[in-house]
Amino acid sequence: MPALTTPAVRKIIEDFADEIRQRKVRTAKPSMTVINFRTDVRDGKERPIDSVPIGLLRYRKDNGRIASNVADFERNFRPLDETDQEDQARLAEFLREKDPEKTAVLCSTLLHEGQREPAIITCDGFLINGNRRKMVMDQLHEEHPDDDRFAYMKAVILPSADEEGGPPTLLEIEKIENRYQLQSDGKSEYYGFDRALSIRRKMELGFGLEEQLRDDPHFANATKKELAQAVKDCLKHYLRPLECVDRYLRQFRREGQYRAISAGVSDREGRWQAFKDYSNTYSLVLQNPKRLLDLGIEEDEIGHIEEAAFDIIRLRVVPDMPKVHEIMRRLPKYCRTSIGKKSILTISDEVDAALPPEEHLDESGASLKPEEIEAKWAAKNKRSIIHHVKKAAHYDDVTKEKETPLELMEAAYKKLTHDDMDLTAINVADFANARKLTVKIRERAAELESEIYRQDKEYKKLRQKGH
């Protein structure tokens, strides 16, 4: 998607705009309000609140709350047409799936108290803020056709081409959504996965991450240090996990199929939290040479460990084990024993990323649904994945109690032969101490070699005697 290098304006559909001009009613109370658009808040500029027939209001497919659904649908089928009634119904269904519990609360509130806050719409009726209210009011209007409260929706209509300031640019629309939906009472209105997609989409449109944060009242007066921390937090909780999601989908040849990650807050088996924890493990451990050295993980093993991690996440559940997102936190420790690491690496060797094409069909030759393919893949691979995860966890538990002498020696040898063991980097003042340490290492190595030789000799004698 091209960046907004110029203030591009969303194309207005004049027929829709004319119908709204003709059928809006100036009866809403209160009749005026200040919205967070352009310099309205700073200038105290009030805009009228109109009552608009509910049927003239339409969803935008660029609504960040349904970003994953839209991306998945358009990847698998075709671009959505916001002017098409069937696609409008589809966008409504996407919204309905996101958070049924919150939708039920909103339905009860609107039924008993009516609409309190006005929506914000373009002059041709596309919603920037108020999507879920429109969805619920449509439902209530069907249930209570004679109740005018649900026949009209209070809305602030943004200017058209012939009004002061002209229509909003695409970037201004993104900012309105950012202010009203991502910053509701300091809490995200979005499920974390959709928020990550929305943040990235805004960045692709030229609305940079720092600018998005600066646009948030909570960071408007932030110091440089506070803003830098906010950027780090955003990378940690949203953008880096999203990068892991994209790598996961590429591994299983399902690029862009974001519905495979989670359907929303109500998806109790959603994978988003697992990706957040794996992303943290990846950046703090698998990309940290010192931690890799401590754990005995080679750089060329990282890709295989990630493949295994994604296989585990795809399976979703390992019986009698912690939740998958917790396994992602512990994964590096599962690899710190030679047996544990071998078990995890075996997962990437044994598990195929995709089922053969013929297994994507049912007995009649019809294509299976994505969830049926997932179930088939899990049935085929779960035994192997579960066995190796449990084996790695078992040896990690044993190691916590006592590391074997051989493992301690292997770890010591890896450190002594590591690429970072560059003796030219030793400070001149430390040469004497460094030489003392090498003498101690040599002496200890000789002691160990002598002791192992003695034990081996005694063992051979016992074998000769038949013990």
Protein backbone atom coordinates (compact mmCIF):
# COMPACT_ATOMS: atom_id res chain seq x y z
CA MET A 1 0.00 0.00 0.00
CA PRO A 2 1.56 3.35 -1.02
CA ALA A 3 2.48 5.84 1.68
CA LEU A 4 0.45 9.04 1.93
CA THR A 5 3.13 11.37 0.60
CA THR A 6 0.38 13.82 -0.46
CA PRO A 7 -2.82 14.68 1.45
CA ALA A 8 -4.99 12.28 -0.56
CA VAL A 9 -8.72 12.75 -0.07
CA ARG A 10 -11.09 9.80 0.19
CA LYS A 11 -13.25 9.78 -2.92
CA ILE A 12 -16.77 10.98 -2.11
CA ILE A 13 -19.71 9.06 -3.61
CA GLU A 14 -21.94 11.98 -4.57
CA ASP A 15 -25.19 9.98 -4.79
CA PHE A 16 -24.72 8.80 -1.21
CA ALA A 17 -23.82 12.32 -0.05
CA ASP A 18 -26.88 13.87 -1.75
CA GLU A 19 -29.21 11.38 -0.09
CA ILE A 20 -27.77 12.13 3.34
CA ARG A 21 -28.12 15.91 2.75
CA GLN A 22 -31.75 15.44 1.80
CA ARG A 23 -32.75 13.02 4.54
CA LYS A 24 -30.75 14.08 7.61
CA VAL A 25 -32.75 15.67 10.42
CA ARG A 26 -31.47 18.43 12.71
CA THR A 27 -33.33 17.18 15.78
CA ALA A 28 -30.53 15.55 17.72
CA LYS A 29 -29.93 16.64 21.31
CA PRO A 30 -27.48 18.05 22.14
CA SER A 31 -27.40 19.70 18.75
CA MET A 32 -23.69 20.65 18.75
CA THR A 33 -20.44 19.06 19.91
CA VAL A 34 -16.66 19.39 19.61
CA ILE A 35 -14.90 16.44 17.98
CA ASN A 36 -11.19 15.65 17.79
CA PHE A 37 -10.78 16.63 14.12
CA ARG A 38 -8.19 18.98 12.72
CA THR A 39 -7.89 21.91 15.20
CA ASP A 40 -11.48 21.71 16.51
CA VAL A 41 -10.49 20.87 20.10
CA ARG A 42 -7.86 23.60 20.27
CA ASP A 43 -10.20 26.17 18.73
CA GLY A 44 -13.31 25.01 20.58
CA LYS A 45 -15.07 24.64 17.25
CA GLU A 46 -18.49 23.04 17.52
CA ARG A 47 -20.04 20.96 14.75
CA PRO A 48 -23.73 20.08 14.41
CA ILE A 49 -25.10 16.67 15.37
CA ASP A 50 -27.61 15.35 12.84
CA SER A 51 -29.95 12.39 12.91
CA VAL A 52 -29.23 10.25 9.86
CA PRO A 53 -31.40 7.32 8.70
CA ILE A 54 -29.61 4.17 9.83
CA GLY A 55 -29.88 2.62 6.37
CA LEU A 56 -27.74 5.39 4.84
CA LEU A 57 -24.76 4.63 7.04
CA ARG A 58 -22.09 2.24 5.76
CA TYR A 59 -19.03 0.47 7.17
CA ARG A 60 -15.52 1.14 5.89
CA LYS A 61 -13.43 -1.93 5.18
CA ASP A 62 -10.42 0.03 6.48
CA ASN A 63 -11.85 -0.05 10.01
CA GLY A 64 -8.92 -1.27 12.12
CA ARG A 65 -11.15 -3.32 14.41
CA ILE A 66 -11.77 -5.83 11.61
CA ALA A 67 -8.35 -5.54 9.94
CA SER A 68 -7.54 -9.26 10.24
CA ASN A 69 -10.93 -10.35 8.83
CA VAL A 70 -10.70 -8.01 5.85
CA ALA A 71 -7.09 -8.95 5.06
CA ASP A 72 -7.93 -12.65 5.29
CA PHE A 73 -11.04 -12.38 3.09
CA GLU A 74 -9.35 -10.29 0.42
CA ARG A 75 -6.36 -12.62 0.39
CA ASN A 76 -8.52 -15.72 -0.10
CA PHE A 77 -11.36 -14.41 -2.24
CA ARG A 78 -11.52 -10.90 -3.71
CA PRO A 79 -11.44 -7.21 -2.78
CA LEU A 80 -14.43 -6.09 -0.73
CA ASP A 81 -16.70 -3.43 -2.28
CA GLU A 82 -17.97 -0.97 0.34
CA THR A 83 -20.87 0.08 -1.93
CA ASP A 84 -22.15 -3.49 -2.25
CA GLN A 85 -24.94 -4.53 0.13
CA GLU A 86 -23.68 -8.09 0.50
CA ASP A 87 -20.20 -6.88 1.37
CA GLN A 88 -21.67 -4.41 3.86
CA ALA A 89 -23.43 -7.36 5.51
CA ARG A 90 -20.11 -9.23 5.50
CA LEU A 91 -18.34 -6.32 7.23
CA ALA A 92 -21.12 -6.27 9.84
CA GLU A 93 -20.60 -9.99 10.45
CA PHE A 94 -16.88 -9.41 10.92
CA LEU A 95 -17.70 -6.85 13.62
CA ARG A 96 -20.23 -9.16 15.25
CA GLU A 97 -17.65 -11.94 15.57
CA LYS A 98 -15.02 -9.79 17.28
CA ASP A 99 -16.36 -9.42 20.79
CA PRO A 100 -19.85 -10.87 21.35
CA GLU A 101 -19.80 -10.10 25.07
CA LYS A 102 -19.05 -6.42 24.53
CA THR A 103 -21.64 -6.28 21.75
CA ALA A 104 -24.27 -7.74 24.10
CA VAL A 105 -23.50 -5.06 26.71
CA LEU A 106 -23.74 -2.31 24.06
CA CYS A 107 -27.06 -3.74 22.85
CA SER A 108 -28.50 -3.59 26.38
CA THR A 109 -27.20 -0.03 26.88
CA LEU A 110 -28.69 1.27 23.61
CA LEU A 111 -31.99 -0.49 24.28
CA HIS A 112 -32.43 1.09 27.70
CA GLU A 113 -30.60 4.40 27.37
CA GLY A 114 -30.52 5.09 23.65
CA GLN A 115 -27.52 6.50 21.78
CA ARG A 116 -25.56 8.97 23.90
CA GLU A 117 -22.41 9.68 21.86
CA PRO A 118 -22.71 10.71 18.21
CA ALA A 119 -20.98 8.73 15.50
CA ILE A 120 -18.53 10.43 13.12
CA ILE A 121 -19.16 9.90 9.41
CA THR A 122 -17.94 11.15 6.05
CA CYS A 123 -20.39 13.31 4.09
CA ASP A 124 -21.40 10.24 2.04
CA GLY A 125 -22.18 8.18 5.13
CA PHE A 126 -19.13 6.01 5.77
CA LEU A 127 -18.49 5.45 9.47
CA ILE A 128 -15.19 6.48 11.00
CA ASN A 129 -16.35 6.10 14.58
CA GLY A 130 -19.53 4.29 15.60
CA ASN A 131 -19.29 1.03 13.66
CA ARG A 132 -20.42 -1.28 16.46
CA ARG A 133 -23.22 1.11 17.42
CA LYS A 134 -24.50 1.01 13.84
CA MET A 135 -24.32 -2.80 13.83
CA VAL A 136 -26.29 -3.06 17.10
CA MET A 137 -28.80 -0.37 16.12
CA ASP A 138 -29.51 -2.23 12.86
CA GLN A 139 -30.33 -5.28 14.95
CA LEU A 140 -32.51 -3.27 17.35
CA HIS A 141 -34.29 -1.57 14.44
CA GLU A 142 -35.25 -4.99 13.07
CA GLU A 143 -36.51 -6.06 16.50
CA HIS A 144 -38.31 -2.74 17.20
CA PRO A 145 -39.32 -1.35 13.78
CA ASP A 146 -41.69 1.24 15.28
CA ASP A 147 -39.11 2.71 17.67
CA ASP A 148 -37.62 5.83 16.04
CA ARG A 149 -34.64 5.67 18.40
CA PHE A 150 -33.21 2.93 16.23
CA ALA A 151 -34.34 4.26 12.85
CA TYR A 152 -31.91 7.16 13.03
CA MET A 153 -28.37 7.49 14.30
CA LYS A 154 -26.89 10.65 15.76
CA ALA A 155 -23.80 11.62 13.81
CA VAL A 156 -21.36 14.44 13.16
CA ILE A 157 -20.99 14.72 9.40
CA LEU A 158 -17.52 15.74 8.23
CA PRO A 159 -17.32 18.47 5.58
CA SER A 160 -17.80 17.90 1.86
CA ALA A 161 -15.86 19.51 -0.98
CA ASP A 162 -17.95 22.71 -0.94
CA GLU A 163 -17.75 23.20 2.84
CA GLU A 164 -15.12 24.90 5.00
CA GLY A 165 -11.84 22.97 5.04
CA GLY A 166 -13.05 20.45 2.47
CA PRO A 167 -13.40 16.69 2.98
CA PRO A 168 -10.98 14.84 5.24
CA THR A 169 -7.82 13.35 3.80
CA LEU A 170 -7.12 9.64 4.19
CA LEU A 171 -4.54 10.53 6.82
CA GLU A 172 -7.08 12.64 8.76
CA ILE A 173 -9.50 9.70 8.72
CA GLU A 174 -6.77 7.45 10.12
CA LYS A 175 -6.12 10.03 12.86
CA ILE A 176 -9.80 10.21 13.82
CA GLU A 177 -9.95 6.42 14.09
CA ASN A 178 -6.72 6.47 16.09
CA ARG A 179 -8.11 9.02 18.55
CA TYR A 180 -11.57 7.55 19.05
CA GLN A 181 -11.05 3.81 18.77
CA LEU A 182 -7.45 3.14 19.80
CA GLN A 183 -7.48 5.60 22.68
CA SER A 184 -10.77 4.98 24.41
CA ASP A 185 -10.24 5.92 28.08
CA GLY A 186 -6.60 4.93 27.76
CA LYS A 187 -7.51 1.38 26.76
CA SER A 188 -7.49 -0.14 23.31
CA GLU A 189 -10.94 -0.73 21.86
CA TYR A 190 -9.29 -3.28 19.60
CA TYR A 191 -8.28 -6.85 20.17
CA GLY A 192 -4.47 -6.80 20.28
CA PHE A 193 -3.99 -8.62 16.98
CA ASP A 194 -6.23 -6.22 15.06
CA ARG A 195 -4.56 -3.30 16.75
CA ALA A 196 -1.17 -4.56 15.54
CA LEU A 197 -2.49 -4.79 11.98
CA SER A 198 -4.05 -1.34 12.26
CA ILE A 199 -0.85 0.24 13.58
CA ARG A 200 1.16 -1.30 10.76
CA ARG A 201 -1.39 -0.28 8.15
CA LYS A 202 -1.26 3.32 9.36
CA MET A 203 2.54 3.23 9.16
CA GLU A 204 2.31 1.98 5.57
CA LEU A 205 0.03 4.93 4.83
CA GLY A 206 2.64 7.36 6.12
CA PHE A 207 1.26 7.75 9.67
CA GLY A 208 4.51 6.91 11.49
CA LEU A 209 4.63 5.06 14.80
CA GLU A 210 5.97 8.04 16.75
CA GLU A 211 3.36 10.26 15.14
CA GLN A 212 0.60 7.82 16.09
CA LEU A 213 1.82 7.89 19.69
CA ARG A 214 2.20 11.67 19.72
CA ASP A 215 -1.38 11.89 18.48
CA ASP A 216 -2.45 10.06 21.64
CA PRO A 217 -3.28 12.59 24.41
CA HIS A 218 -1.40 10.35 26.86
CA PHE A 219 1.85 11.04 24.99
CA ALA A 220 1.20 14.52 23.66
CA ASN A 221 3.53 16.05 26.27
CA ALA A 222 5.79 13.02 26.71
CA THR A 223 9.52 13.53 27.09
CA LYS A 224 11.89 12.07 24.53
CA LYS A 225 12.67 9.24 26.95
CA GLU A 226 8.99 8.49 27.62
CA LEU A 227 8.18 8.46 23.91
CA ALA A 228 11.13 6.16 23.19
CA GLN A 229 9.81 3.76 25.85
CA ALA A 230 6.32 3.92 24.33
CA VAL A 231 7.80 3.04 20.92
CA LYS A 232 9.64 0.07 22.49
CA ASP A 233 6.43 -1.11 24.15
CA CYS A 234 4.55 -0.86 20.87
CA LEU A 235 7.23 -2.87 19.09
CA LYS A 236 7.21 -5.49 21.85
CA HIS A 237 3.45 -5.91 22.20
CA TYR A 238 2.28 -5.39 18.62
CA LEU A 239 4.72 -5.07 15.73
CA ARG A 240 7.30 -7.75 16.55
CA PRO A 241 4.62 -10.38 17.36
CA LEU A 242 3.00 -9.45 14.05
CA GLU A 243 6.31 -10.11 12.26
CA CYS A 244 6.30 -13.57 13.89
CA VAL A 245 2.73 -14.13 12.68
CA ASP A 246 3.79 -13.37 9.11
CA ARG A 247 6.73 -15.78 9.36
CA TYR A 248 4.37 -18.42 10.78
CA LEU A 249 1.92 -18.03 7.89
CA ARG A 250 4.77 -18.22 5.37
CA GLN A 251 6.01 -21.45 6.98
CA PHE A 252 2.62 -23.06 6.46
CA ARG A 253 2.10 -21.46 3.04
CA ARG A 254 -0.86 -19.46 4.26
CA GLU A 255 0.36 -15.89 3.74
CA GLY A 256 -2.24 -13.29 4.68
CA GLN A 257 -4.67 -15.82 6.19
CA TYR A 258 -4.95 -13.97 9.47
CA ARG A 259 -8.11 -15.74 10.54
CA ALA A 260 -5.86 -18.72 11.26
CA ILE A 261 -4.42 -16.69 14.14
CA SER A 262 -7.56 -15.58 15.93
CA ALA A 263 -11.16 -14.57 15.33
CA GLY A 264 -11.06 -12.01 18.15
CA VAL A 265 -11.45 -11.64 21.89
CA SER A 266 -14.05 -14.42 22.00
CA ASP A 267 -11.64 -16.89 20.38
CA ARG A 268 -10.46 -18.63 23.52
CA GLU A 269 -8.02 -20.75 21.57
CA GLY A 270 -6.57 -17.80 19.68
CA ARG A 271 -2.86 -17.87 19.01
CA TRP A 272 -2.07 -14.14 19.43
CA GLN A 273 -0.80 -14.44 23.02
CA ALA A 274 1.47 -17.32 21.99
CA PHE A 275 3.01 -15.11 19.31
CA LYS A 276 3.52 -12.30 21.83
CA ASP A 277 5.40 -14.65 24.14
CA TYR A 278 7.35 -16.32 21.35
CA SER A 279 8.30 -12.91 19.95
CA ASN A 280 9.68 -11.91 23.33
CA THR A 281 11.64 -15.18 23.54
CA TYR A 282 12.94 -14.65 20.01
CA SER A 283 14.19 -11.08 20.60
CA LEU A 284 15.54 -11.59 24.14
CA VAL A 285 17.03 -15.07 23.78
CA LEU A 286 17.27 -16.38 20.22
CA GLN A 287 18.73 -13.09 18.96
CA ASN A 288 21.09 -12.70 21.94
CA PRO A 289 24.52 -14.34 21.37
CA LYS A 290 25.31 -14.45 25.10
CA ARG A 291 22.05 -16.19 25.97
CA LEU A 292 22.53 -18.65 23.12
CA LEU A 293 25.99 -19.44 24.45
CA ASP A 294 24.69 -19.95 27.98
CA LEU A 295 21.98 -22.30 26.70
CA GLY A 296 24.24 -24.15 24.26
CA ILE A 297 22.17 -23.20 21.21
CA GLU A 298 24.01 -22.79 17.91
CA GLU A 299 23.06 -19.98 15.53
CA ASP A 300 22.24 -22.41 12.73
CA GLU A 301 19.72 -24.13 15.04
CA ILE A 302 17.57 -21.00 15.55
CA GLY A 303 15.57 -21.47 12.35
CA HIS A 304 14.77 -25.08 13.26
CA ILE A 305 13.73 -24.08 16.78
CA GLU A 306 11.41 -21.47 15.30
CA GLU A 307 9.87 -24.04 12.96
CA ALA A 308 9.22 -26.28 15.98
CA ALA A 309 7.76 -23.34 17.92
CA PHE A 310 5.34 -22.60 15.09
CA ASP A 311 4.34 -26.28 14.91
CA ILE A 312 3.54 -26.18 18.64
CA ILE A 313 1.57 -22.94 18.28
CA ARG A 314 -0.36 -24.41 15.38
CA LEU A 315 -1.30 -27.45 17.46
CA ARG A 316 -2.64 -25.01 20.11
CA VAL A 317 -2.82 -27.50 23.02
CA VAL A 318 -0.30 -29.90 24.59
CA PRO A 319 -2.16 -32.07 27.17
CA ASP A 320 -0.83 -32.06 30.74
CA MET A 321 1.48 -29.15 29.90
CA PRO A 322 1.28 -25.39 30.46
CA LYS A 323 -0.67 -23.32 27.93
CA VAL A 324 1.06 -22.94 24.59
CA HIS A 325 1.98 -19.29 25.19
CA GLU A 326 3.74 -20.37 28.41
CA ILE A 327 5.60 -23.09 26.49
CA MET A 328 6.85 -20.33 24.18
CA ARG A 329 8.39 -18.57 27.20
CA ARG A 330 10.15 -21.75 28.34
CA LEU A 331 11.20 -23.01 24.92
CA PRO A 332 14.89 -21.95 25.12
CA LYS A 333 15.24 -23.68 28.48
CA TYR A 334 13.82 -26.86 26.96
CA CYS A 335 16.80 -26.71 24.59
CA ARG A 336 19.53 -26.31 27.19
CA THR A 337 20.09 -30.06 27.53
CA SER A 338 21.36 -32.02 24.55
CA ILE A 339 18.39 -34.41 24.75
CA GLY A 340 15.90 -31.57 25.16
CA LYS A 341 17.32 -29.64 22.22
CA LYS A 342 17.35 -32.75 20.06
CA SER A 343 13.69 -33.35 20.93
CA ILE A 344 12.67 -29.82 19.89
CA LEU A 345 14.73 -29.98 16.69
CA THR A 346 13.16 -33.35 15.86
CA ILE A 347 9.75 -31.64 15.71
CA SER A 348 10.91 -29.46 12.81
CA ASP A 349 12.34 -32.56 11.08
CA GLU A 350 9.29 -34.80 11.49
CA VAL A 351 6.42 -32.36 10.95
CA ASP A 352 5.50 -31.31 7.41
CA ALA A 353 4.45 -27.68 6.96
CA ALA A 354 1.51 -28.61 4.76
CA LEU A 355 -0.61 -31.63 3.98
CA PRO A 356 -0.26 -33.12 0.49
CA PRO A 357 -2.76 -31.57 -1.99
CA GLU A 358 -4.84 -34.76 -2.11
CA GLU A 359 -5.45 -34.50 1.65
CA HIS A 360 -7.11 -31.10 1.15
CA LEU A 361 -10.08 -32.89 -0.41
CA ASP A 362 -12.90 -34.93 1.12
CA GLU A 363 -14.08 -38.31 -0.13
CA SER A 364 -16.21 -36.71 -2.84
CA GLY A 365 -13.28 -34.64 -4.11
CA ALA A 366 -14.59 -31.32 -2.72
CA SER A 367 -12.15 -28.94 -1.03
CA LEU A 368 -12.08 -29.08 2.75
CA LYS A 369 -12.72 -25.95 4.79
CA PRO A 370 -9.64 -24.31 6.39
CA GLU A 371 -10.69 -25.48 9.86
CA GLU A 372 -11.08 -29.05 8.57
CA ILE A 373 -7.58 -28.93 7.08
CA GLU A 374 -6.28 -27.65 10.42
CA ALA A 375 -7.96 -30.52 12.26
CA LYS A 376 -6.52 -33.03 9.79
CA TRP A 377 -3.01 -31.58 10.14
CA ALA A 378 -3.29 -31.69 13.95
CA ALA A 379 -4.52 -35.30 13.93
CA LYS A 380 -1.57 -36.28 11.76
CA ASN A 381 1.13 -34.51 13.77
CA LYS A 382 -0.06 -34.10 17.36
CA ARG A 383 1.39 -37.37 18.65
CA SER A 384 4.91 -36.49 17.49
CA ILE A 385 4.73 -32.86 18.69
CA ILE A 386 3.31 -33.75 22.11
CA HIS A 387 5.86 -36.54 22.65
CA HIS A 388 8.88 -34.37 21.88
CA VAL A 389 7.66 -31.32 23.82
CA LYS A 390 7.04 -33.43 26.91
CA LYS A 391 10.40 -35.15 26.54
CA ALA A 392 12.22 -31.80 26.32
CA ALA A 393 10.29 -30.46 29.32
CA HIS A 394 11.12 -33.58 31.34
CA TYR A 395 14.86 -33.22 30.77
CA ASP A 396 14.63 -29.54 31.58
CA ASP A 397 13.06 -30.46 34.93
CA VAL A 398 15.84 -32.98 35.57
CA THR A 399 18.45 -30.33 34.74
CA LYS A 400 16.90 -27.92 37.21
CA GLU A 401 17.66 -30.46 39.91
CA LYS A 402 21.18 -31.31 38.73
CA GLU A 403 23.25 -30.64 35.63
CA THR A 404 25.30 -33.66 34.56
CA PRO A 405 29.11 -33.37 34.53
CA LEU A 406 29.17 -34.03 30.78
CA GLU A 407 26.72 -31.15 30.13
CA LEU A 408 28.81 -28.83 32.32
CA MET A 409 31.96 -29.75 30.38
CA GLU A 410 30.19 -29.29 27.03
CA ALA A 411 28.99 -25.85 28.09
CA ALA A 412 32.49 -24.87 29.27
CA TYR A 413 34.05 -26.06 26.02
CA LYS A 414 31.54 -24.12 23.92
CA LYS A 415 32.37 -20.96 25.79
CA LEU A 416 36.10 -21.46 25.38
CA THR A 417 35.75 -22.10 21.64
CA HIS A 418 33.11 -19.45 20.95
CA ASP A 419 33.68 -16.88 18.18
CA ASP A 420 33.70 -14.13 20.82
CA MET A 421 36.83 -15.65 22.39
CA ASP A 422 39.02 -13.03 20.69
CA LEU A 423 42.14 -12.68 22.84
CA THR A 424 43.07 -9.38 21.15
CA ALA A 425 40.06 -7.86 22.89
CA ILE A 426 41.62 -8.41 26.36
CA ASN A 427 42.73 -5.21 28.02
CA VAL A 428 46.51 -4.98 28.50
CA ALA A 429 46.00 -4.47 32.23
CA ASP A 430 44.20 -7.85 32.40
CA PHE A 431 46.89 -9.94 30.72
CA ALA A 432 48.33 -11.24 34.01
CA ASN A 433 44.92 -12.28 35.31
CA ALA A 434 44.04 -13.87 31.95
CA ARG A 435 47.21 -15.98 32.04
CA LYS A 436 46.43 -17.11 35.60
CA LEU A 437 42.95 -18.19 34.47
CA THR A 438 44.34 -20.17 31.52
CA VAL A 439 46.76 -21.97 33.88
CA LYS A 440 43.84 -22.82 36.22
CA ILE A 441 41.78 -24.04 33.25
CA ARG A 442 44.68 -26.20 32.03
CA GLU A 443 45.27 -27.63 35.52
CA ARG A 444 41.58 -28.35 36.04
CA ALA A 445 41.31 -29.93 32.59
CA ALA A 446 44.29 -32.18 33.40
CA GLU A 447 42.69 -33.17 36.72
CA LEU A 448 39.41 -34.03 35.01
CA GLU A 449 41.13 -35.99 32.25
CA SER A 450 43.16 -37.94 34.84
CA GLU A 451 40.08 -38.68 36.97
CA ILE A 452 38.03 -39.80 33.95
CA TYR A 453 40.94 -42.00 32.77
CA ARG A 454 41.17 -43.60 36.25
CA GLN A 455 37.40 -44.29 36.36
CA ASP A 456 37.44 -45.71 32.84
CA LYS A 457 40.34 -48.02 33.76
CA GLU A 458 38.55 -49.28 36.86
CA TYR A 459 35.37 -49.85 34.84
CA LYS A 460 37.28 -51.97 32.29
CA LYS A 461 38.82 -54.06 35.05
CA LEU A 462 35.38 -54.75 36.51
CA ARG A 463 34.10 -55.79 33.09
CA GLN A 464 37.02 -58.22 32.69
CA LYS A 465 36.09 -59.77 36.02
CA GLY A 466 32.51 -60.19 34.81
CA HIS A 467 30.94 -57.49 36.99
